[in-house]
Amino acid sequence: MFYLGQIIEYHHDKGYGLLLDHNSAQSVIFYIADFPKEGGQPKKGETIKYVIINAHGTLKAHQMIRLDVAMSNDLKNKKINIDKQKNILRRGKNEGQKFGFMSVVILVIVFGFVYFSFATWNQYQTYQEEQHAKFALLEQQQKQIVEQQRKEIGYVKPVKFSEKSQNALNSHHHSVQKQNEAESVQSNTAVSTTASTEKSPYQCDGRTHCSQMTSYDEAVFFIKNCPNTQMDGNHDGRPCERQFGK
């Protein structure tokens, strides 16, 4: 059973003191060895909660609790908790202010970007319209200039060349005519050769040596009509003379 008492005296040099019990008004001895270490030395007038035990025929206080120290610790703990709550609230307020400031900054940046994009687009549209207007005006001016030049020039007289220039033109015309005639002759020759080739029983098939020929006439056809032949070493127009005894 717990009792309540108050310290009425304490002998530091002897290590014991007396408690005055609130209910019985009797004094109860206590020893420093049983006294709580927290809170320092026992203080006169301090309220103690305790139990009474019989130690070798003597009643003494045991399991003592320093209520004033406990209450002081509770107050300290409550104060610490209150301070923590204040710090949390202050931190939350600061974070809220920071968040609000950052939100405002982000909104300003977004609004600025949208405004800049819109202004740039309008400026680009205005530039395009100005360019189209300039192009249309330039085109109209060019048409007017061309029409004015046509009116001013009117009938164009034929150009008269000097004798030297006329001779040069005639010479060039003669050279072109000769070149066209030569190309025509070559074309006719090629057509004639092709026609003769088509009428011949032989045809170019990639053979180039005498050992590949079956007759003298075939060899003659090949050296006249086929490329890269090696059957007429002395270029006398008679191929494979030894093979065919010519």
Protein backbone atom coordinates (compact mmCIF):
# COMPACT_ATOMS: atom_id res chain seq x y z
CA MET A 1 0.00 0.00 0.00
CA PHE A 2 1.40 3.41 -0.95
CA TYR A 3 1.52 6.31 1.47
CA LEU A 4 2.13 10.01 1.01
CA GLY A 5 4.57 11.91 3.11
CA GLN A 6 6.80 14.95 3.20
CA ILE A 7 10.51 15.16 3.98
CA ILE A 8 10.92 16.97 7.28
CA GLU A 9 14.64 16.44 7.72
CA TYR A 10 17.63 14.87 5.97
CA HIS A 11 21.10 14.19 7.34
CA HIS A 12 23.48 14.20 4.45
CA ASP A 13 26.47 13.05 6.49
CA LYS A 14 24.59 10.08 7.94
CA GLY A 15 22.63 9.13 4.80
CA TYR A 16 19.12 9.04 6.23
CA GLY A 17 16.13 11.31 6.83
CA LEU A 18 12.57 11.43 8.13
CA LEU A 19 9.21 11.58 6.38
CA LEU A 20 6.01 12.93 7.94
CA ASP A 21 3.11 10.73 6.89
CA HIS A 22 0.09 12.78 5.76
CA ASN A 23 -2.50 10.40 7.18
CA SER A 24 -1.05 9.26 10.49
CA ALA A 25 1.13 12.32 11.17
CA GLN A 26 3.85 9.91 12.28
CA SER A 27 7.45 10.11 11.18
CA VAL A 28 8.94 7.38 9.02
CA ILE A 29 12.66 6.90 8.50
CA PHE A 30 14.15 6.58 5.00
CA TYR A 31 17.69 5.78 3.86
CA ILE A 32 19.53 7.36 0.96
CA ALA A 33 20.25 3.89 -0.44
CA ASP A 34 16.50 3.47 -1.06
CA PHE A 35 15.99 7.03 -2.28
CA PRO A 36 15.54 7.65 -6.06
CA LYS A 37 18.74 8.86 -7.74
CA GLU A 38 16.91 11.08 -10.21
CA GLY A 39 16.54 14.68 -9.08
CA GLY A 40 19.63 14.93 -6.89
CA GLN A 41 19.76 14.98 -3.07
CA PRO A 42 16.53 14.82 -0.98
CA LYS A 43 15.07 18.25 -0.32
CA LYS A 44 13.19 19.34 2.78
CA GLY A 45 9.47 19.79 2.11
CA GLU A 46 9.58 17.46 -0.92
CA THR A 47 6.51 15.20 -1.36
CA ILE A 48 7.26 11.47 -1.51
CA LYS A 49 5.09 8.48 -2.37
CA TYR A 50 6.27 5.29 -0.67
CA VAL A 51 5.49 1.95 0.95
CA ILE A 52 6.42 0.91 4.48
CA ILE A 53 8.35 -2.28 5.19
CA ASN A 54 9.71 -3.85 8.38
CA ALA A 55 13.47 -4.18 8.18
CA HIS A 56 14.87 -6.02 11.21
CA GLY A 57 12.20 -4.66 13.52
CA THR A 58 12.37 -1.11 12.15
CA LEU A 59 9.71 0.44 9.90
CA LYS A 60 11.22 2.31 6.96
CA ALA A 61 10.10 3.87 3.67
CA HIS A 62 10.73 1.81 0.57
CA GLN A 63 10.03 2.09 -3.19
CA MET A 64 9.94 5.86 -2.87
CA ILE A 65 8.71 8.06 -5.72
CA ARG A 66 9.60 11.76 -5.81
CA LEU A 67 6.29 13.27 -6.89
CA ASP A 68 7.69 16.78 -7.30
CA VAL A 69 10.46 15.49 -9.57
CA ALA A 70 7.99 13.29 -11.45
CA MET A 71 5.64 16.25 -11.92
CA SER A 72 8.58 18.38 -13.01
CA ASN A 73 9.60 15.69 -15.53
CA ASP A 74 6.02 15.47 -16.76
CA LEU A 75 5.94 19.22 -17.20
CA LYS A 76 9.25 19.08 -19.00
CA ASN A 77 7.98 16.28 -21.22
CA LYS A 78 4.79 18.21 -21.89
CA LYS A 79 6.83 21.30 -22.66
CA ILE A 80 9.04 19.26 -24.97
CA ASN A 81 5.97 17.84 -26.69
CA ILE A 82 4.50 21.33 -27.01
CA ASP A 83 7.80 22.60 -28.44
CA LYS A 84 7.84 19.67 -30.86
CA GLN A 85 4.31 20.45 -31.95
CA LYS A 86 5.22 24.11 -32.38
CA ASN A 87 8.25 23.12 -34.43
CA ILE A 88 6.10 20.80 -36.54
CA LEU A 89 3.52 23.54 -37.06
CA ARG A 90 6.24 26.08 -37.82
CA ARG A 91 7.92 23.65 -40.23
CA GLY A 92 4.59 22.90 -41.90
CA LYS A 93 3.90 26.62 -42.17
CA ASN A 94 7.33 27.24 -43.69
CA GLU A 95 6.91 24.33 -46.08
CA GLY A 96 3.45 25.61 -46.99
CA GLN A 97 4.92 29.06 -47.65
CA LYS A 98 7.69 27.52 -49.74
CA PHE A 99 5.17 25.41 -51.64
CA GLY A 100 2.97 28.44 -52.21
CA PHE A 101 5.95 30.46 -53.41
CA MET A 102 7.07 27.66 -55.74
CA SER A 103 3.51 27.33 -57.07
CA VAL A 104 3.44 31.05 -57.83
CA VAL A 105 6.84 30.83 -59.55
CA ILE A 106 5.71 27.85 -61.64
CA LEU A 107 2.49 29.62 -62.62
CA VAL A 108 4.44 32.72 -63.62
CA ILE A 109 6.83 30.62 -65.73
CA VAL A 110 3.98 28.74 -67.43
CA PHE A 111 2.07 31.96 -68.09
CA GLY A 112 5.22 33.61 -69.45
CA PHE A 113 5.89 30.65 -71.75
CA VAL A 114 2.31 30.64 -73.06
CA TYR A 115 2.37 34.41 -73.58
CA PHE A 116 5.75 34.26 -75.35
CA SER A 117 4.58 31.39 -77.60
CA PHE A 118 1.39 33.26 -78.49
CA ALA A 119 3.30 36.48 -79.19
CA THR A 120 5.86 34.62 -81.31
CA TRP A 121 3.11 32.91 -83.30
CA ASN A 122 1.34 36.22 -83.93
CA GLN A 123 4.61 37.79 -85.00
CA TYR A 124 5.28 34.88 -87.37
CA GLN A 125 1.79 35.15 -88.85
CA THR A 126 2.26 38.90 -89.35
CA TYR A 127 5.62 38.26 -91.03
CA GLN A 128 4.07 35.67 -93.37
CA GLU A 129 1.26 38.06 -94.31
CA GLU A 130 3.75 40.85 -95.00
CA GLN A 131 5.85 38.53 -97.17
CA HIS A 132 2.79 37.43 -99.17
CA ALA A 133 1.77 41.06 -99.62
CA LYS A 134 5.28 42.02 -100.78
CA PHE A 135 5.38 39.08 -103.18
CA ALA A 136 1.97 39.95 -104.63
CA LEU A 137 3.00 43.61 -105.03
CA LEU A 138 6.29 42.62 -106.69
CA GLU A 139 4.50 40.25 -109.05
CA GLN A 140 2.02 42.98 -109.98
CA GLN A 141 4.85 45.46 -110.57
CA GLN A 142 6.69 42.96 -112.78
CA LYS A 143 3.56 42.40 -114.85
CA GLN A 144 3.15 46.15 -115.29
CA ILE A 145 6.80 46.53 -116.32
CA VAL A 146 6.48 43.72 -118.89
CA GLU A 147 3.31 45.23 -120.34
CA GLN A 148 4.93 48.66 -120.48
CA GLN A 149 8.00 47.23 -122.25
CA ARG A 150 5.78 45.46 -124.76
CA LYS A 151 3.98 48.71 -125.51
CA GLU A 152 7.23 50.64 -125.87
CA ILE A 153 9.08 48.03 -128.00
CA GLY A 154 6.21 47.25 -130.32
CA TYR A 155 7.36 45.60 -133.64
CA VAL A 156 10.88 44.18 -133.45
CA LYS A 157 12.90 44.71 -136.65
CA PRO A 158 15.02 41.82 -138.00
CA VAL A 159 18.65 41.93 -136.95
CA LYS A 160 21.15 42.61 -139.72
CA PHE A 161 24.50 40.79 -139.49
CA SER A 162 27.82 42.01 -140.84
CA GLU A 163 29.46 40.20 -143.75
CA LYS A 164 31.97 38.54 -141.43
CA SER A 165 29.25 37.34 -139.08
CA GLN A 166 27.14 36.09 -141.98
CA ASN A 167 30.11 34.12 -143.40
CA ALA A 168 30.74 32.60 -139.98
CA LEU A 169 27.10 31.56 -139.69
CA ASN A 170 27.14 30.05 -143.18
CA SER A 171 30.36 28.16 -142.42
CA HIS A 172 28.86 26.81 -139.23
CA HIS A 173 25.70 25.79 -141.05
CA HIS A 174 27.79 24.02 -143.73
CA SER A 175 29.79 22.14 -141.08
CA VAL A 176 26.63 21.03 -139.31
CA GLN A 177 25.15 19.87 -142.61
CA LYS A 178 28.27 17.80 -143.42
CA GLN A 179 28.23 16.26 -139.96
CA ASN A 180 24.57 15.30 -140.37
CA GLU A 181 25.31 13.74 -143.77
CA ALA A 182 28.21 11.72 -142.32
CA GLU A 183 26.03 10.48 -139.48
CA SER A 184 23.34 9.54 -142.00
CA VAL A 185 25.87 7.54 -144.08
CA GLN A 186 27.13 5.73 -140.97
CA SER A 187 23.58 4.96 -139.98
CA ASN A 188 22.78 3.57 -143.43
CA THR A 189 25.99 1.48 -143.38
CA ALA A 190 25.08 0.08 -139.99
CA VAL A 191 21.58 -0.72 -141.21
CA SER A 192 23.03 -2.40 -144.31
CA THR A 193 25.49 -4.40 -142.22
CA THR A 194 22.72 -5.43 -139.87
CA ALA A 195 20.57 -6.46 -142.79
CA SER A 196 23.39 -8.51 -144.30
CA THR A 197 24.03 -10.05 -140.91
CA GLU A 198 20.41 -11.00 -140.62
CA LYS A 199 20.49 -12.63 -144.07
CA SER A 200 23.73 -14.58 -143.30
CA PRO A 201 23.44 -18.09 -141.85
CA TYR A 202 26.13 -17.12 -139.32
CA GLN A 203 25.85 -14.91 -136.25
CA CYS A 204 28.21 -13.44 -133.66
CA ASP A 205 28.23 -15.62 -130.59
CA GLY A 206 31.47 -14.67 -128.83
CA ARG A 207 33.87 -16.99 -130.70
CA THR A 208 37.19 -15.34 -131.63
CA HIS A 209 39.72 -18.10 -132.65
CA CYS A 210 40.19 -20.23 -135.77
CA SER A 211 39.86 -23.44 -133.78
CA GLN A 212 36.26 -22.45 -133.11
CA MET A 213 35.38 -21.98 -136.81
CA THR A 214 33.70 -24.71 -138.88
CA SER A 215 34.35 -23.20 -142.33
CA TYR A 216 36.31 -20.49 -144.11
CA ASP A 217 33.13 -18.56 -144.94
CA GLU A 218 32.19 -18.55 -141.29
CA ALA A 219 35.64 -17.19 -140.36
CA VAL A 220 35.30 -14.44 -143.02
CA PHE A 221 31.88 -13.50 -141.60
CA PHE A 222 33.29 -13.30 -138.08
CA ILE A 223 36.26 -11.03 -138.89
CA LYS A 224 33.97 -8.66 -140.85
CA ASN A 225 31.01 -8.51 -138.49
CA CYS A 226 32.06 -9.65 -135.02
CA PRO A 227 34.28 -7.83 -132.46
CA ASN A 228 37.58 -8.97 -130.88
CA THR A 229 38.37 -11.69 -133.42
CA GLN A 230 41.95 -13.10 -133.52
CA MET A 231 41.89 -15.00 -136.80
CA ASP A 232 43.65 -12.62 -139.26
CA GLY A 233 47.16 -11.99 -137.96
CA ASN A 234 48.47 -10.12 -141.06
CA HIS A 235 45.22 -8.21 -141.59
CA ASP A 236 44.92 -9.21 -145.24
CA GLY A 237 41.25 -10.05 -144.97
CA ARG A 238 41.84 -13.83 -145.22
CA PRO A 239 41.35 -15.57 -141.88
CA CYS A 240 42.60 -19.00 -140.80
CA GLU A 241 44.75 -19.47 -143.93
CA ARG A 242 46.62 -22.53 -142.63
CA GLN A 243 43.51 -24.20 -141.23
CA PHE A 244 41.49 -23.87 -144.42
CA GLY A 245 44.43 -23.89 -146.96
CA LYS A 246 43.87 -20.39 -148.30
